[in-house]
Amino acid sequence: MGCRTWLPILASTGAALLCSGPAVAQDYQSRDSAGVLLVWTAPTPATSEWRVDPEPVLQIGKIEGADPYLFTEVWDAARLDDGRIVAVDVGTHEVRVFAGDGTHLWSFGRRGEGPEEFGGPPWIVVAPPDTIVTWDAGHLRLSRFTLEGELIHQQSLSGALEALSLFPCPVCRVWQPAPDGTLLNTMTSSQGMGNSGVQQQLRRVVFYDPTTGFAREFSPVLAGRISWISGNARHLRGYHDPLSPSQAVARGPDSGMVTVSHPERAEWTVYRPDGSVAQIVRPAMKRDLGGEEARAAERRRAPELAEQLGVGHRELIEAMDALPVPDSLPAIRRMFWDRDQRLWVGSRTRDSQGMGPFGVFDRSGRWLAEVGVPRDLVEILGVGDDYVLASWRDEFDVAYLRLYRLERNP
């Protein structure tokens, strides 16, 4: 088998994966005495090569025209079984419904304080067959709408969440509600690192069931580093270090299951709703380890970044230099579950910009496929059996919603 020496050390969840010979191109899984399924997995000769067509089959958005086709930013989106697409715009907080060919059908919701208005762009999920569940982090409200926008039910969670000291992070992408109304709440906090003006961000992750009031907090996860450039109590400008230890969090297909990646290694842990560990998966993913090389690439981008942040080039370089250079980059950048209960795991790219390749895994941790996606996508918002739904921006910084064809070769 060639990889036996690591078996005795699997009882230690923090132990490194050691092999006496070359990695075996097959899955191996074993359950330890604590009931944790430990999985080592690698692509095999039978691993599928899935493909996302580089050109979209559908694009929604325009540079100018009717308001429903103009996006400030596509915040969230979902595709129904009949092909209709639901999208949320950041600027207006509208939920917009489009036909399968991209024709706008109707919109509902807007920025405001009323029962059918939102305090922030809502997160959405479709509860089959055609109910839209929204989570409004601005008002701490969970709502259910018909596809036409008629309000079915609304529940304010402000009192309950405040009693639990859960003040949500409205821009964290783990806020996706589940069709059953349960939530994955997050809160980001920072702690200083000496007198360097550098802060480490931490993110609390809490599963919450508004029906029963059950809440379970998971260990804080690393959310990155910030080196403050300038600012005061009202206006802060900082450089968010893309090379810092960081973790991806994904809501699992089972209610309450939470998947969290390791901040540095190619590894993730699956937690049960009670907070216990159900599974640890260590995939044989390709990695780029050059911390010094990656930091040099970031410095070359300094003029562009300084303009985006509205700060001086010299001040930005000083902020970069205040950050420690990692020995290695975080192995995993993105994770999400698709509609067919497959976990997509995106690896870190060499220059830390753009989309890298994804590994696709089943619920047991077995490697199913390798798939590359267009690097210029802003965010993948949904994946089905034969499609990828994503946000994209053109050279004029105009926002679009795109649908790509996904070809799955057995």
Protein backbone atom coordinates (compact mmCIF):
# COMPACT_ATOMS: atom_id res chain seq x y z
CA MET A 1 0.00 0.00 0.00
CA GLY A 2 2.98 2.35 0.59
CA CYS A 3 1.30 4.63 3.17
CA ARG A 4 0.95 2.61 6.36
CA THR A 5 3.11 4.50 8.83
CA TRP A 6 0.58 7.28 9.33
CA LEU A 7 -2.23 5.02 10.54
CA PRO A 8 -1.22 4.91 14.26
CA ILE A 9 -1.09 8.70 14.53
CA LEU A 10 -4.57 9.38 13.21
CA ALA A 11 -5.98 9.37 16.74
CA SER A 12 -4.38 12.79 17.15
CA THR A 13 -6.43 15.26 15.12
CA GLY A 14 -3.54 17.74 14.94
CA ALA A 15 -0.96 15.21 13.76
CA ALA A 16 0.65 15.56 10.35
CA LEU A 17 0.00 13.03 7.62
CA LEU A 18 3.16 10.96 7.24
CA CYS A 19 3.97 8.34 4.63
CA SER A 20 6.88 5.98 4.26
CA GLY A 21 6.48 5.95 0.49
CA PRO A 22 4.63 7.75 -2.29
CA ALA A 23 1.00 8.66 -1.69
CA VAL A 24 -1.44 5.94 -2.70
CA ALA A 25 -3.89 7.13 -5.34
CA GLN A 26 -6.95 5.80 -3.56
CA ASP A 27 -9.28 6.67 -0.69
CA TYR A 28 -8.72 5.37 2.80
CA GLN A 29 -10.97 5.99 5.76
CA SER A 30 -11.06 4.74 9.32
CA ARG A 31 -13.10 5.51 12.43
CA ASP A 32 -11.20 6.09 15.64
CA SER A 33 -12.28 5.28 19.19
CA ALA A 34 -13.89 8.68 19.69
CA GLY A 35 -16.29 8.19 16.79
CA VAL A 36 -14.52 10.59 14.44
CA LEU A 37 -14.24 9.51 10.82
CA LEU A 38 -10.72 10.34 9.61
CA VAL A 39 -10.32 10.40 5.85
CA TRP A 40 -7.31 10.68 3.59
CA THR A 41 -8.34 11.10 -0.03
CA ALA A 42 -6.62 11.74 -3.35
CA PRO A 43 -7.60 11.85 -7.02
CA THR A 44 -7.58 8.43 -8.61
CA PRO A 45 -7.33 7.39 -12.29
CA ALA A 46 -11.11 7.16 -12.17
CA THR A 47 -11.53 10.72 -10.87
CA SER A 48 -13.72 12.71 -13.23
CA GLU A 49 -12.51 15.79 -15.05
CA TRP A 50 -15.46 18.15 -14.86
CA ARG A 51 -15.51 21.23 -17.04
CA VAL A 52 -17.11 24.67 -16.79
CA ASP A 53 -17.53 26.26 -20.20
CA PRO A 54 -15.51 29.50 -20.31
CA GLU A 55 -18.36 31.39 -21.97
CA PRO A 56 -21.68 31.79 -20.12
CA VAL A 57 -24.90 30.40 -21.54
CA LEU A 58 -26.80 33.28 -19.88
CA GLN A 59 -25.79 36.75 -18.72
CA ILE A 60 -28.09 39.09 -16.80
CA GLY A 61 -27.04 42.71 -16.46
CA LYS A 62 -26.41 45.78 -18.60
CA ILE A 63 -24.26 48.88 -18.64
CA GLU A 64 -27.37 50.98 -19.10
CA GLY A 65 -31.05 50.26 -19.55
CA ALA A 66 -34.04 49.30 -17.42
CA ASP A 67 -33.42 49.32 -13.67
CA PRO A 68 -34.07 45.58 -13.05
CA TYR A 69 -31.10 44.74 -15.29
CA LEU A 70 -28.70 47.15 -13.55
CA PHE A 71 -26.78 45.67 -10.62
CA THR A 72 -24.67 47.55 -8.10
CA GLU A 73 -23.40 44.13 -7.02
CA VAL A 74 -25.03 40.72 -7.13
CA TRP A 75 -25.19 39.89 -3.43
CA ASP A 76 -26.84 36.47 -3.60
CA ALA A 77 -28.66 34.32 -6.14
CA ALA A 78 -30.42 30.98 -6.54
CA ARG A 79 -31.80 28.95 -9.44
CA LEU A 80 -35.10 27.09 -9.30
CA ASP A 81 -35.73 23.67 -10.81
CA ASP A 82 -37.77 25.25 -13.62
CA GLY A 83 -34.86 27.50 -14.64
CA ARG A 84 -36.04 30.75 -13.08
CA ILE A 85 -33.36 32.74 -11.26
CA VAL A 86 -33.69 34.83 -8.09
CA ALA A 87 -31.05 37.50 -7.45
CA VAL A 88 -30.41 40.17 -4.81
CA ASP A 89 -28.93 43.59 -5.61
CA VAL A 90 -26.73 45.28 -3.01
CA GLY A 91 -27.66 48.85 -3.86
CA THR A 92 -31.45 48.58 -3.86
CA HIS A 93 -31.81 45.52 -1.56
CA GLU A 94 -34.31 44.21 -4.11
CA VAL A 95 -35.04 40.55 -4.70
CA ARG A 96 -35.38 40.20 -8.49
CA VAL A 97 -36.91 37.22 -10.27
CA PHE A 98 -35.90 36.38 -13.86
CA ALA A 99 -37.16 33.85 -16.36
CA GLY A 100 -34.85 31.09 -17.55
CA ASP A 101 -33.92 33.21 -20.59
CA GLY A 102 -32.92 36.20 -18.41
CA THR A 103 -36.13 38.23 -18.90
CA HIS A 104 -37.07 40.17 -15.77
CA LEU A 105 -40.40 39.00 -14.36
CA TRP A 106 -40.87 40.99 -11.15
CA SER A 107 -39.09 42.35 -8.08
CA PHE A 108 -39.98 42.70 -4.43
CA GLY A 109 -38.44 44.24 -1.34
CA ARG A 110 -36.36 47.39 -1.06
CA ARG A 111 -34.27 49.32 1.44
CA GLY A 112 -36.40 50.43 4.38
CA GLU A 113 -37.94 49.68 7.78
CA GLY A 114 -41.27 48.14 6.78
CA PRO A 115 -42.26 44.45 7.05
CA GLU A 116 -41.52 43.83 3.36
CA GLU A 117 -38.37 45.96 3.34
CA PHE A 118 -34.79 45.11 4.26
CA GLY A 119 -32.20 46.81 6.47
CA GLY A 120 -29.42 45.23 4.39
CA PRO A 121 -29.22 43.13 1.25
CA PRO A 122 -30.87 39.85 2.26
CA TRP A 123 -29.46 36.36 2.00
CA ILE A 124 -31.82 34.02 0.19
CA VAL A 125 -32.48 30.32 -0.14
CA VAL A 126 -35.27 28.51 -2.00
CA ALA A 127 -37.40 26.16 0.09
CA PRO A 128 -38.87 23.68 -2.41
CA PRO A 129 -40.87 24.01 -4.41
CA ASP A 130 -41.13 27.82 -4.66
CA THR A 131 -40.85 29.58 -1.29
CA ILE A 132 -38.08 32.14 -0.84
CA VAL A 133 -36.54 32.31 2.64
CA THR A 134 -34.70 35.56 3.35
CA TRP A 135 -32.40 36.53 6.19
CA ASP A 136 -32.15 40.29 6.77
CA ALA A 137 -29.05 40.86 8.92
CA GLY A 138 -29.83 44.58 9.09
CA HIS A 139 -33.13 44.02 10.91
CA LEU A 140 -32.35 40.53 12.26
CA ARG A 141 -35.48 39.21 10.55
CA LEU A 142 -36.18 35.83 9.03
CA SER A 143 -38.96 35.93 6.40
CA ARG A 144 -40.72 33.64 3.96
CA PHE A 145 -42.12 34.93 0.67
CA THR A 146 -43.93 33.41 -2.24
CA LEU A 147 -41.96 33.53 -5.46
CA GLU A 148 -44.15 36.50 -6.46
CA GLY A 149 -43.07 38.42 -3.35
CA GLU A 150 -46.10 37.95 -1.09
CA LEU A 151 -45.05 37.85 2.56
CA ILE A 152 -46.04 34.54 4.17
CA HIS A 153 -44.37 34.73 7.57
CA GLN A 154 -41.87 36.95 9.35
CA GLN A 155 -39.98 36.51 12.60
CA SER A 156 -37.76 39.03 14.36
CA LEU A 157 -34.78 37.49 16.10
CA SER A 158 -33.25 40.69 17.47
CA GLY A 159 -34.17 40.01 21.10
CA ALA A 160 -33.12 36.36 21.03
CA LEU A 161 -29.80 37.00 19.32
CA GLU A 162 -28.95 39.97 21.54
CA ALA A 163 -29.74 37.86 24.63
CA LEU A 164 -27.18 35.37 23.36
CA SER A 165 -24.70 38.22 22.68
CA LEU A 166 -24.82 37.40 18.96
CA PHE A 167 -24.37 40.61 17.03
CA PRO A 168 -24.16 39.41 13.43
CA CYS A 169 -21.66 40.15 10.73
CA PRO A 170 -23.95 41.26 7.85
CA VAL A 171 -21.25 40.84 5.19
CA CYS A 172 -20.01 37.36 6.16
CA ARG A 173 -20.89 34.78 3.55
CA VAL A 174 -21.74 32.08 6.07
CA TRP A 175 -25.03 33.88 6.75
CA GLN A 176 -26.94 31.69 4.29
CA PRO A 177 -30.17 30.48 5.93
CA ALA A 178 -31.40 26.92 5.48
CA PRO A 179 -34.84 26.09 4.03
CA ASP A 180 -35.96 25.02 7.53
CA GLY A 181 -35.17 28.50 8.88
CA THR A 182 -32.09 27.60 10.93
CA LEU A 183 -29.17 29.97 10.69
CA LEU A 184 -25.41 30.00 10.90
CA ASN A 185 -24.67 33.22 12.77
CA THR A 186 -21.24 34.86 12.63
CA MET A 187 -19.59 37.75 14.42
CA THR A 188 -16.19 39.17 13.60
CA SER A 189 -13.93 40.67 16.24
CA SER A 190 -10.30 41.79 16.26
CA GLN A 191 -7.39 41.53 18.65
CA GLY A 192 -4.20 43.55 18.49
CA MET A 193 -0.81 42.03 17.74
CA GLY A 194 1.66 44.16 19.70
CA ASN A 195 2.20 47.81 18.82
CA SER A 196 2.56 47.27 15.09
CA GLY A 197 -0.93 48.44 14.16
CA VAL A 198 -1.74 44.93 12.99
CA GLN A 199 -4.89 43.14 14.12
CA GLN A 200 -5.88 39.50 13.85
CA GLN A 201 -9.54 39.01 12.96
CA LEU A 202 -11.51 36.24 14.68
CA ARG A 203 -14.94 35.05 13.67
CA ARG A 204 -17.40 33.36 16.00
CA VAL A 205 -19.59 30.78 14.31
CA VAL A 206 -22.89 29.88 15.97
CA PHE A 207 -25.64 27.53 14.82
CA TYR A 208 -29.07 28.84 15.83
CA ASP A 209 -32.54 27.30 15.56
CA PRO A 210 -35.16 30.06 16.01
CA THR A 211 -37.96 27.52 16.51
CA THR A 212 -36.44 25.90 19.60
CA GLY A 213 -34.02 28.63 20.64
CA PHE A 214 -31.17 26.12 20.51
CA ALA A 215 -27.77 27.71 19.94
CA ARG A 216 -24.34 26.14 19.69
CA GLU A 217 -21.12 28.11 19.37
CA PHE A 218 -18.13 26.60 17.61
CA SER A 219 -14.54 27.54 18.33
CA PRO A 220 -13.60 30.95 16.90
CA VAL A 221 -12.06 30.68 13.46
CA LEU A 222 -9.36 32.87 11.96
CA ALA A 223 -10.71 35.43 9.52
CA GLY A 224 -7.48 37.14 8.43
CA ARG A 225 -5.16 39.99 9.38
CA ILE A 226 -5.50 43.74 8.95
CA SER A 227 -2.66 46.25 8.96
CA TRP A 228 -4.11 49.70 9.63
CA ILE A 229 -2.85 52.37 7.26
CA SER A 230 -4.67 55.47 8.43
CA GLY A 231 -7.92 56.62 9.90
CA ASN A 232 -9.78 57.88 12.92
CA ALA A 233 -12.93 56.90 14.80
CA ARG A 234 -15.08 57.52 11.73
CA HIS A 235 -12.87 56.61 8.80
CA LEU A 236 -10.59 53.60 8.92
CA ARG A 237 -8.48 52.30 6.07
CA GLY A 238 -6.62 49.05 6.35
CA TYR A 239 -4.83 46.51 4.24
CA HIS A 240 -6.46 43.09 4.54
CA ASP A 241 -3.67 40.57 4.18
CA PRO A 242 -4.65 37.89 1.64
CA LEU A 243 -1.69 35.76 2.80
CA SER A 244 -2.71 35.50 6.45
CA PRO A 245 -3.97 32.28 8.04
CA SER A 246 -7.65 32.05 7.22
CA GLN A 247 -10.46 29.53 7.27
CA ALA A 248 -13.44 28.82 5.06
CA VAL A 249 -16.78 27.91 6.63
CA ALA A 250 -19.61 26.09 4.84
CA ARG A 251 -23.09 25.08 5.93
CA GLY A 252 -23.45 21.33 5.41
CA PRO A 253 -26.32 19.52 3.68
CA ASP A 254 -27.61 18.22 7.04
CA SER A 255 -29.25 20.77 9.31
CA GLY A 256 -26.67 22.10 11.72
CA MET A 257 -23.61 20.40 10.22
CA VAL A 258 -20.75 22.88 9.84
CA THR A 259 -17.58 22.41 7.76
CA VAL A 260 -14.49 24.45 8.71
CA SER A 261 -11.14 24.36 6.90
CA HIS A 262 -7.76 24.37 8.66
CA PRO A 263 -6.12 27.83 8.56
CA GLU A 264 -2.95 26.50 6.89
CA ARG A 265 -3.08 22.79 6.06
CA ALA A 266 -5.13 21.10 3.36
CA GLU A 267 -7.67 19.77 5.83
CA TRP A 268 -11.20 20.39 7.02
CA THR A 269 -13.35 19.34 9.98
CA VAL A 270 -17.07 18.58 9.93
CA TYR A 271 -18.91 19.39 13.18
CA ARG A 272 -22.25 18.02 14.35
CA PRO A 273 -24.97 20.40 15.64
CA ASP A 274 -23.89 19.66 19.23
CA GLY A 275 -20.36 20.86 18.43
CA SER A 276 -18.70 17.44 18.41
CA VAL A 277 -16.38 16.44 15.58
CA ALA A 278 -17.91 14.07 13.04
CA GLN A 279 -15.20 13.93 10.40
CA ILE A 280 -11.71 15.16 9.54
CA VAL A 281 -10.69 15.07 5.88
CA ARG A 282 -7.13 15.48 4.58
CA PRO A 283 -7.11 15.70 0.77
CA ALA A 284 -3.98 15.48 -1.34
CA MET A 285 -4.42 18.96 -2.83
CA LYS A 286 -1.78 20.78 -4.84
CA ARG A 287 -0.38 23.79 -3.03
CA ASP A 288 1.86 26.78 -3.69
CA LEU A 289 3.98 27.28 -0.59
CA GLY A 290 6.04 30.38 -1.37
CA GLY A 291 5.18 33.00 1.25
CA GLU A 292 8.03 35.33 0.25
CA GLU A 293 7.15 34.96 -3.42
CA ALA A 294 3.47 35.68 -2.75
CA ARG A 295 4.30 38.78 -0.68
CA ALA A 296 6.52 40.06 -3.50
CA ALA A 297 3.61 39.61 -5.90
CA GLU A 298 1.40 41.62 -3.55
CA ARG A 299 3.95 44.42 -3.42
CA ARG A 300 3.92 44.59 -7.22
CA ARG A 301 0.17 45.21 -6.99
CA ALA A 302 0.68 48.07 -4.50
CA PRO A 303 0.01 50.97 -6.96
CA GLU A 304 -3.32 49.43 -7.97
CA LEU A 305 -4.27 48.60 -4.37
CA ALA A 306 -3.31 52.06 -3.12
CA GLU A 307 -5.65 53.65 -5.66
CA GLN A 308 -8.48 51.31 -4.67
CA LEU A 309 -8.00 52.04 -0.96
CA GLY A 310 -7.52 55.78 -1.45
CA VAL A 311 -4.15 55.86 0.34
CA GLY A 312 -0.60 56.72 -0.59
CA HIS A 313 1.69 54.15 -2.17
CA ARG A 314 4.34 54.57 0.54
CA GLU A 315 1.81 54.18 3.35
CA LEU A 316 0.51 50.97 1.80
CA ILE A 317 4.01 49.50 1.46
CA GLU A 318 4.65 50.31 5.14
CA ALA A 319 1.40 48.52 6.06
CA MET A 320 2.44 45.48 4.03
CA ASP A 321 5.89 45.44 5.64
CA ALA A 322 4.30 45.45 9.10
CA LEU A 323 2.77 42.04 8.40
CA PRO A 324 4.77 38.89 9.06
CA VAL A 325 5.52 36.83 5.97
CA PRO A 326 4.01 33.35 6.31
CA ASP A 327 6.11 30.27 5.65
CA SER A 328 3.22 28.86 3.63
CA LEU A 329 -0.11 30.11 2.33
CA PRO A 330 -3.49 28.85 3.51
CA ALA A 331 -4.23 25.72 1.52
CA ILE A 332 -8.00 26.27 1.14
CA ARG A 333 -9.61 29.51 0.03
CA ARG A 334 -13.28 28.64 -0.56
CA MET A 335 -15.73 25.92 0.42
CA PHE A 336 -19.42 25.44 -0.32
CA TRP A 337 -21.94 22.63 -0.71
CA ASP A 338 -23.85 22.34 -3.98
CA ARG A 339 -27.49 21.35 -4.42
CA ASP A 340 -26.57 17.68 -4.79
CA GLN A 341 -24.74 17.58 -1.44
CA ARG A 342 -21.23 17.67 -2.85
CA LEU A 343 -18.55 19.78 -1.19
CA TRP A 344 -16.57 22.12 -3.48
CA VAL A 345 -13.14 23.03 -2.11
CA GLY A 346 -11.16 25.80 -3.81
CA SER A 347 -7.39 25.83 -3.44
CA ARG A 348 -5.23 28.92 -2.99
CA THR A 349 -3.87 30.40 -6.22
CA ARG A 350 -0.23 31.45 -6.49
CA ASP A 351 -0.97 35.17 -6.74
CA SER A 352 -3.91 35.05 -4.26
CA GLN A 353 -6.13 36.67 -6.90
CA GLY A 354 -8.88 35.08 -8.95
CA MET A 355 -10.49 31.67 -8.80
CA GLY A 356 -8.29 28.62 -8.54
CA PRO A 357 -9.25 25.03 -9.35
CA PHE A 358 -11.77 23.16 -7.20
CA GLY A 359 -11.82 19.64 -5.86
CA VAL A 360 -15.30 18.13 -5.52
CA PHE A 361 -15.97 15.63 -2.72
CA ASP A 362 -18.93 13.53 -1.60
CA ARG A 363 -20.29 13.57 1.96
CA SER A 364 -17.92 10.82 3.08
CA GLY A 365 -14.91 12.87 1.95
CA ARG A 366 -14.20 10.84 -1.17
CA TRP A 367 -12.67 12.82 -4.05
CA LEU A 368 -15.15 12.88 -6.95
CA ALA A 369 -13.75 15.31 -9.49
CA GLU A 370 -11.37 18.11 -10.33
CA VAL A 371 -12.82 21.17 -12.02
CA GLY A 372 -11.43 24.49 -13.21
CA VAL A 373 -13.61 27.60 -13.32
CA PRO A 374 -13.08 30.98 -15.04
CA ARG A 375 -10.54 32.87 -12.93
CA ASP A 376 -12.27 36.23 -13.31
CA LEU A 377 -15.44 35.26 -11.43
CA VAL A 378 -16.20 37.41 -8.39
CA GLU A 379 -18.15 34.79 -6.44
CA ILE A 380 -19.78 31.42 -7.11
CA LEU A 381 -23.35 31.71 -5.84
CA GLY A 382 -24.77 28.31 -6.67
CA VAL A 383 -23.94 24.99 -8.33
CA GLY A 384 -26.40 22.42 -9.63
CA ASP A 385 -26.14 19.19 -11.54
CA ASP A 386 -25.27 20.93 -14.82
CA TYR A 387 -24.71 24.61 -14.06
CA VAL A 388 -22.64 27.14 -12.12
CA LEU A 389 -24.25 30.45 -11.11
CA ALA A 390 -21.77 33.24 -10.42
CA SER A 391 -21.26 37.00 -10.22
CA TRP A 392 -18.88 38.71 -12.63
CA ARG A 393 -17.61 42.23 -13.45
CA ASP A 394 -16.44 43.57 -16.79
CA GLU A 395 -13.54 45.92 -17.51
CA PHE A 396 -15.80 48.90 -16.72
CA ASP A 397 -16.59 47.41 -13.27
CA VAL A 398 -20.21 46.73 -14.27
CA ALA A 399 -21.78 43.86 -12.32
CA TYR A 400 -23.47 40.88 -13.97
CA LEU A 401 -25.03 37.57 -13.02
CA ARG A 402 -23.83 34.69 -15.19
CA LEU A 403 -24.91 31.10 -15.75
CA TYR A 404 -22.26 28.65 -16.98
CA ARG A 405 -22.69 25.11 -18.26
CA LEU A 406 -21.12 22.44 -16.08
CA GLU A 407 -20.17 19.25 -17.88
CA ARG A 408 -19.75 16.26 -15.58
CA ASN A 409 -17.84 13.44 -17.24
CA PRO A 410 -18.19 10.12 -15.45
